[in-house]
């Protein structure tokens, strides 16, 4: 592997870590950045999922006490722990079901810069509109989510199967619509990322098991570490920012970035 390949992996890892938990679509940024860099070092979607796991590890590190409390609470039959776990499971189920049926179609057809650009703009407009509605915040913790609310948020998360829509953005939009406060909406999207990304990683690694070899490990490790460190730095800032200022700025960013991308790829075509 050349030095330029490792530099590309480093850049893409940072892009993933910075964008995974913001409502701006990490997958969309990776598709665009990978296309512009001409990154082709790793077959299939294995590199993308490996850097996503690096970002997820950052969440597990930052929220290790919360995760440990929930896991221990399950064995001691703590009501809050069970409500937390049920909310995560129910909100994850819709995406697992749809992803299982449409995974091949999504990878083959939807992973294009034009689709990503349009999804950026659409998702950005949705965030701005929902923020302006000023929906009453009735839920202030993940433990307070009802099963019905968790399922509704999970249904919105399915929009993230479209590259560029953003998994974090879709879950946050769903949470805001159902009356979840901003900080809780952001944190719930973090926890939902764990089963979704781990599941996607298993599918991608298994599907590409015949073309992955030991020679790919250094590049994968470079992206993984870069994503882990950059996510560590971004997540805490993000929670504090949205608690004070909301999500509108990310909506405007999505619209501006998506419009630039759309213009670039249409003129290049």
Foldseek 3Di string as FASTA:
>chain_A
DDPLLLVLLLVLLLLQLQPQLAQFFNLLVSLVSCVVSVHDPDPDCQLVLLSLVLNLVLVCVVCVVVVVCLVVCVVVVNLLSVLLVLLLVLLQVVQVVVCVVCVVVLRVPQSDLLQQLVLLLVLLVLQQVLVVVVDAADAEASSPDDSVLSNQLSVQLNVVSRHNNHSLSSSLSSCSVVRHANLRSSVSSSSSSVVVSVVVNVVRCVVCVVPDDPVCVVSSVSSSNSSNVSNNVNSVVVSVCCNPPNRNVSSVVSNVVSVVSNVVVVVVD
